[in-house]
Amino acid sequence: MEKKETMNIGRQIFLGNTLVGVIWLGAGFVGFFNGVLAGILEMIFMLVGIILISYCFFSEKEKSDEMADENLIQAGALSGDVIYLFWSLVAIVLILIPKIPGTESWNWPKIIKQFAFIAIGLQNLIKGIIFKRLEA
């Protein structure tokens, strides 16, 4: 019987945060376009993201050390601050743009949905990058 390979914390963060962040960003940006191809690409991005997250969740993991745990907490806190700033800016833009003539016909639910995908992607990507920097 083969021994199942354990995933170290660096690989977990790379796959489950950094790469998934890039994938969610891709889904967010592709979703701004109309058409069948854009819809298919958006679904592929989301499916790959869910597969990666599931893989990281269900894989056997190496026990992390105290320093890695501390770095992960710090990376999560810093990425949360960046996303707070991002959503603050999005809120301001969403308040101001409808006041511009000609924007009444924009598809606001779609725009907000895509910004949500981008925010999820940014938070994961930033958390992964900060964690890698702290671990170096």
C-alpha atoms as a PDB file:
ATOM      1  CA  MET A   1       0.000   0.000   0.000  1.00  0.00           C
ATOM      2  CA  GLU A   2       1.388   3.376  -1.004  1.00  0.00           C
ATOM      3  CA  LYS A   3       1.837   6.029   1.637  1.00  0.00           C
ATOM      4  CA  LYS A   4      -0.206   9.129   0.874  1.00  0.00           C
ATOM      5  CA  GLU A   5       1.995  12.161   0.303  1.00  0.00           C
ATOM      6  CA  THR A   6       1.450  14.966   2.828  1.00  0.00           C
ATOM      7  CA  MET A   7       1.114  18.542   1.688  1.00  0.00           C
ATOM      8  CA  ASN A   8       3.317  21.100   3.439  1.00  0.00           C
ATOM      9  CA  ILE A   9       1.969  24.489   4.534  1.00  0.00           C
ATOM     10  CA  GLY A  10       3.706  26.367   1.715  1.00  0.00           C
ATOM     11  CA  ARG A  11       2.062  24.204  -0.932  1.00  0.00           C
ATOM     12  CA  GLN A  12      -1.313  24.472   0.835  1.00  0.00           C
ATOM     13  CA  ILE A  13      -1.127  28.268   0.793  1.00  0.00           C
ATOM     14  CA  PHE A  14       0.138  28.385  -2.796  1.00  0.00           C
ATOM     15  CA  LEU A  15      -2.630  26.143  -4.142  1.00  0.00           C
ATOM     16  CA  GLY A  16      -5.449  27.150  -1.777  1.00  0.00           C
ATOM     17  CA  ASN A  17      -4.798  30.886  -1.693  1.00  0.00           C
ATOM     18  CA  THR A  18      -2.338  32.251  -4.246  1.00  0.00           C
ATOM     19  CA  LEU A  19      -3.408  30.155  -7.245  1.00  0.00           C
ATOM     20  CA  VAL A  20      -7.082  30.175  -6.276  1.00  0.00           C
ATOM     21  CA  GLY A  21      -6.830  33.971  -5.938  1.00  0.00           C
ATOM     22  CA  VAL A  22      -5.565  34.256  -9.509  1.00  0.00           C
ATOM     23  CA  ILE A  23      -8.372  31.939 -10.660  1.00  0.00           C
ATOM     24  CA  TRP A  24     -11.093  34.008  -8.923  1.00  0.00           C
ATOM     25  CA  LEU A  25      -9.588  37.190 -10.386  1.00  0.00           C
ATOM     26  CA  GLY A  26      -9.778  35.562 -13.804  1.00  0.00           C
ATOM     27  CA  ALA A  27     -13.436  34.638 -13.227  1.00  0.00           C
ATOM     28  CA  GLY A  28     -14.154  38.190 -12.094  1.00  0.00           C
ATOM     29  CA  PHE A  29     -12.575  39.872 -15.091  1.00  0.00           C
ATOM     30  CA  VAL A  30     -13.916  37.401 -17.692  1.00  0.00           C
ATOM     31  CA  GLY A  31     -17.430  37.839 -16.288  1.00  0.00           C
ATOM     32  CA  PHE A  32     -17.500  41.491 -17.322  1.00  0.00           C
ATOM     33  CA  PHE A  33     -17.737  40.347 -20.950  1.00  0.00           C
ATOM     34  CA  ASN A  34     -20.913  39.090 -22.586  1.00  0.00           C
ATOM     35  CA  GLY A  35     -21.264  36.000 -24.696  1.00  0.00           C
ATOM     36  CA  VAL A  36     -21.193  32.254 -24.474  1.00  0.00           C
ATOM     37  CA  LEU A  37     -17.389  31.996 -24.459  1.00  0.00           C
ATOM     38  CA  ALA A  38     -17.096  34.420 -21.529  1.00  0.00           C
ATOM     39  CA  GLY A  39     -19.725  32.449 -19.600  1.00  0.00           C
ATOM     40  CA  ILE A  40     -17.950  29.160 -20.277  1.00  0.00           C
ATOM     41  CA  LEU A  41     -14.570  30.598 -19.237  1.00  0.00           C
ATOM     42  CA  GLU A  42     -16.072  32.020 -16.046  1.00  0.00           C
ATOM     43  CA  MET A  43     -17.549  28.610 -15.161  1.00  0.00           C
ATOM     44  CA  ILE A  44     -14.232  26.864 -15.927  1.00  0.00           C
ATOM     45  CA  PHE A  45     -12.363  29.302 -13.667  1.00  0.00           C
ATOM     46  CA  MET A  46     -14.844  28.718 -10.847  1.00  0.00           C
ATOM     47  CA  LEU A  47     -14.786  24.930 -11.297  1.00  0.00           C
ATOM     48  CA  VAL A  48     -10.970  24.806 -11.229  1.00  0.00           C
ATOM     49  CA  GLY A  49     -10.992  27.030  -8.122  1.00  0.00           C
ATOM     50  CA  ILE A  50     -13.444  24.749  -6.339  1.00  0.00           C
ATOM     51  CA  ILE A  51     -11.402  21.664  -7.311  1.00  0.00           C
ATOM     52  CA  LEU A  52      -8.200  23.236  -5.943  1.00  0.00           C
ATOM     53  CA  ILE A  53      -9.879  24.314  -2.709  1.00  0.00           C
ATOM     54  CA  SER A  54     -11.351  20.815  -2.288  1.00  0.00           C
ATOM     55  CA  TYR A  55      -7.989  19.199  -3.017  1.00  0.00           C
ATOM     56  CA  CYS A  56      -6.321  21.334  -0.336  1.00  0.00           C
ATOM     57  CA  PHE A  57      -9.120  20.688   2.136  1.00  0.00           C
ATOM     58  CA  PHE A  58      -9.208  16.896   1.757  1.00  0.00           C
ATOM     59  CA  SER A  59      -5.454  16.277   1.331  1.00  0.00           C
ATOM     60  CA  GLU A  60      -3.354  14.935   4.149  1.00  0.00           C
ATOM     61  CA  LYS A  61      -1.516  17.917   5.579  1.00  0.00           C
ATOM     62  CA  GLU A  62       1.813  18.259   7.270  1.00  0.00           C
ATOM     63  CA  LYS A  63       1.586  19.600  10.812  1.00  0.00           C
ATOM     64  CA  SER A  64       2.444  23.292  10.739  1.00  0.00           C
ATOM     65  CA  ASP A  65       4.826  24.931  13.177  1.00  0.00           C
ATOM     66  CA  GLU A  66       4.130  27.934  15.395  1.00  0.00           C
ATOM     67  CA  MET A  67       5.933  30.351  13.065  1.00  0.00           C
ATOM     68  CA  ALA A  68       3.883  29.228  10.059  1.00  0.00           C
ATOM     69  CA  ASP A  69       0.678  29.592  12.083  1.00  0.00           C
ATOM     70  CA  GLU A  70       1.697  33.105  13.155  1.00  0.00           C
ATOM     71  CA  ASN A  71       2.603  34.056   9.582  1.00  0.00           C
ATOM     72  CA  LEU A  72      -0.722  32.730   8.308  1.00  0.00           C
ATOM     73  CA  ILE A  73      -2.625  34.774  10.892  1.00  0.00           C
ATOM     74  CA  GLN A  74      -0.648  37.905  10.015  1.00  0.00           C
ATOM     75  CA  ALA A  75      -1.130  37.343   6.255  1.00  0.00           C
ATOM     76  CA  GLY A  76      -4.867  36.881   6.784  1.00  0.00           C
ATOM     77  CA  ALA A  77      -5.124  40.060   8.838  1.00  0.00           C
ATOM     78  CA  LEU A  78      -3.197  42.141   6.304  1.00  0.00           C
ATOM     79  CA  SER A  79      -5.192  40.778   3.367  1.00  0.00           C
ATOM     80  CA  GLY A  80      -8.384  41.575   5.284  1.00  0.00           C
ATOM     81  CA  ASP A  81      -7.259  45.194   5.646  1.00  0.00           C
ATOM     82  CA  VAL A  82      -6.598  45.432   1.902  1.00  0.00           C
ATOM     83  CA  ILE A  83     -10.026  43.994   1.088  1.00  0.00           C
ATOM     84  CA  TYR A  84     -11.664  46.417   3.523  1.00  0.00           C
ATOM     85  CA  LEU A  85     -10.014  49.265   1.585  1.00  0.00           C
ATOM     86  CA  PHE A  86     -11.057  47.668  -1.740  1.00  0.00           C
ATOM     87  CA  TRP A  87     -14.723  47.401  -0.725  1.00  0.00           C
ATOM     88  CA  SER A  88     -14.663  50.948   0.632  1.00  0.00           C
ATOM     89  CA  LEU A  89     -13.467  52.206  -2.753  1.00  0.00           C
ATOM     90  CA  VAL A  90     -16.019  50.036  -4.586  1.00  0.00           C
ATOM     91  CA  ALA A  91     -18.800  51.455  -2.390  1.00  0.00           C
ATOM     92  CA  ILE A  92     -17.753  55.017  -3.178  1.00  0.00           C
ATOM     93  CA  VAL A  93     -17.606  54.257  -6.903  1.00  0.00           C
ATOM     94  CA  LEU A  94     -21.001  52.519  -6.805  1.00  0.00           C
ATOM     95  CA  ILE A  95     -22.497  55.568  -5.109  1.00  0.00           C
ATOM     96  CA  LEU A  96     -20.982  58.042  -7.582  1.00  0.00           C
ATOM     97  CA  ILE A  97     -21.307  56.234 -10.938  1.00  0.00           C
ATOM     98  CA  PRO A  98     -25.136  56.102 -11.052  1.00  0.00           C
ATOM     99  CA  LYS A  99     -25.131  59.893 -10.807  1.00  0.00           C
ATOM    100  CA  ILE A 100     -23.325  60.091 -14.152  1.00  0.00           C
ATOM    101  CA  PRO A 101     -25.789  60.475 -17.049  1.00  0.00           C
ATOM    102  CA  GLY A 102     -26.031  57.412 -19.274  1.00  0.00           C
ATOM    103  CA  THR A 103     -25.246  54.811 -16.611  1.00  0.00           C
ATOM    104  CA  GLU A 104     -28.877  54.027 -15.784  1.00  0.00           C
ATOM    105  CA  SER A 105     -28.941  51.068 -18.178  1.00  0.00           C
ATOM    106  CA  TRP A 106     -25.857  49.341 -16.729  1.00  0.00           C
ATOM    107  CA  ASN A 107     -26.348  45.857 -15.323  1.00  0.00           C
ATOM    108  CA  TRP A 108     -25.570  46.673 -11.675  1.00  0.00           C
ATOM    109  CA  PRO A 109     -26.171  43.182 -10.223  1.00  0.00           C
ATOM    110  CA  LYS A 110     -23.671  41.729 -12.712  1.00  0.00           C
ATOM    111  CA  ILE A 111     -21.112  44.450 -11.967  1.00  0.00           C
ATOM    112  CA  ILE A 112     -21.393  43.903  -8.208  1.00  0.00           C
ATOM    113  CA  LYS A 113     -21.144  40.103  -8.668  1.00  0.00           C
ATOM    114  CA  GLN A 114     -17.942  40.492 -10.675  1.00  0.00           C
ATOM    115  CA  PHE A 115     -16.466  42.855  -8.071  1.00  0.00           C
ATOM    116  CA  ALA A 116     -17.242  40.182  -5.450  1.00  0.00           C
ATOM    117  CA  PHE A 117     -15.261  37.601  -7.460  1.00  0.00           C
ATOM    118  CA  ILE A 118     -12.412  40.088  -7.808  1.00  0.00           C
ATOM    119  CA  ALA A 119     -12.460  40.803  -4.051  1.00  0.00           C
ATOM    120  CA  ILE A 120     -12.346  37.080  -3.228  1.00  0.00           C
ATOM    121  CA  GLY A 121      -9.470  36.665  -5.658  1.00  0.00           C
ATOM    122  CA  LEU A 122      -7.571  39.656  -4.314  1.00  0.00           C
ATOM    123  CA  GLN A 123      -7.896  38.534  -0.722  1.00  0.00           C
ATOM    124  CA  ASN A 124      -6.659  35.029  -1.490  1.00  0.00           C
ATOM    125  CA  LEU A 125      -3.850  36.240  -3.749  1.00  0.00           C
ATOM    126  CA  ILE A 126      -2.650  38.863  -1.270  1.00  0.00           C
ATOM    127  CA  LYS A 127      -2.817  36.385   1.627  1.00  0.00           C
ATOM    128  CA  GLY A 128      -0.722  33.902  -0.343  1.00  0.00           C
ATOM    129  CA  ILE A 129       1.858  36.507  -1.384  1.00  0.00           C
ATOM    130  CA  ILE A 130       2.179  37.947   2.129  1.00  0.00           C
ATOM    131  CA  PHE A 131       2.509  34.469   3.647  1.00  0.00           C
ATOM    132  CA  LYS A 132       5.264  33.568   1.154  1.00  0.00           C
ATOM    133  CA  ARG A 133       7.071  36.824   1.940  1.00  0.00           C
ATOM    134  CA  LEU A 134       6.821  36.241   5.694  1.00  0.00           C
ATOM    135  CA  GLU A 135       8.065  32.665   5.364  1.00  0.00           C
ATOM    136  CA  ALA A 136      11.131  33.722   3.339  1.00  0.00           C
END
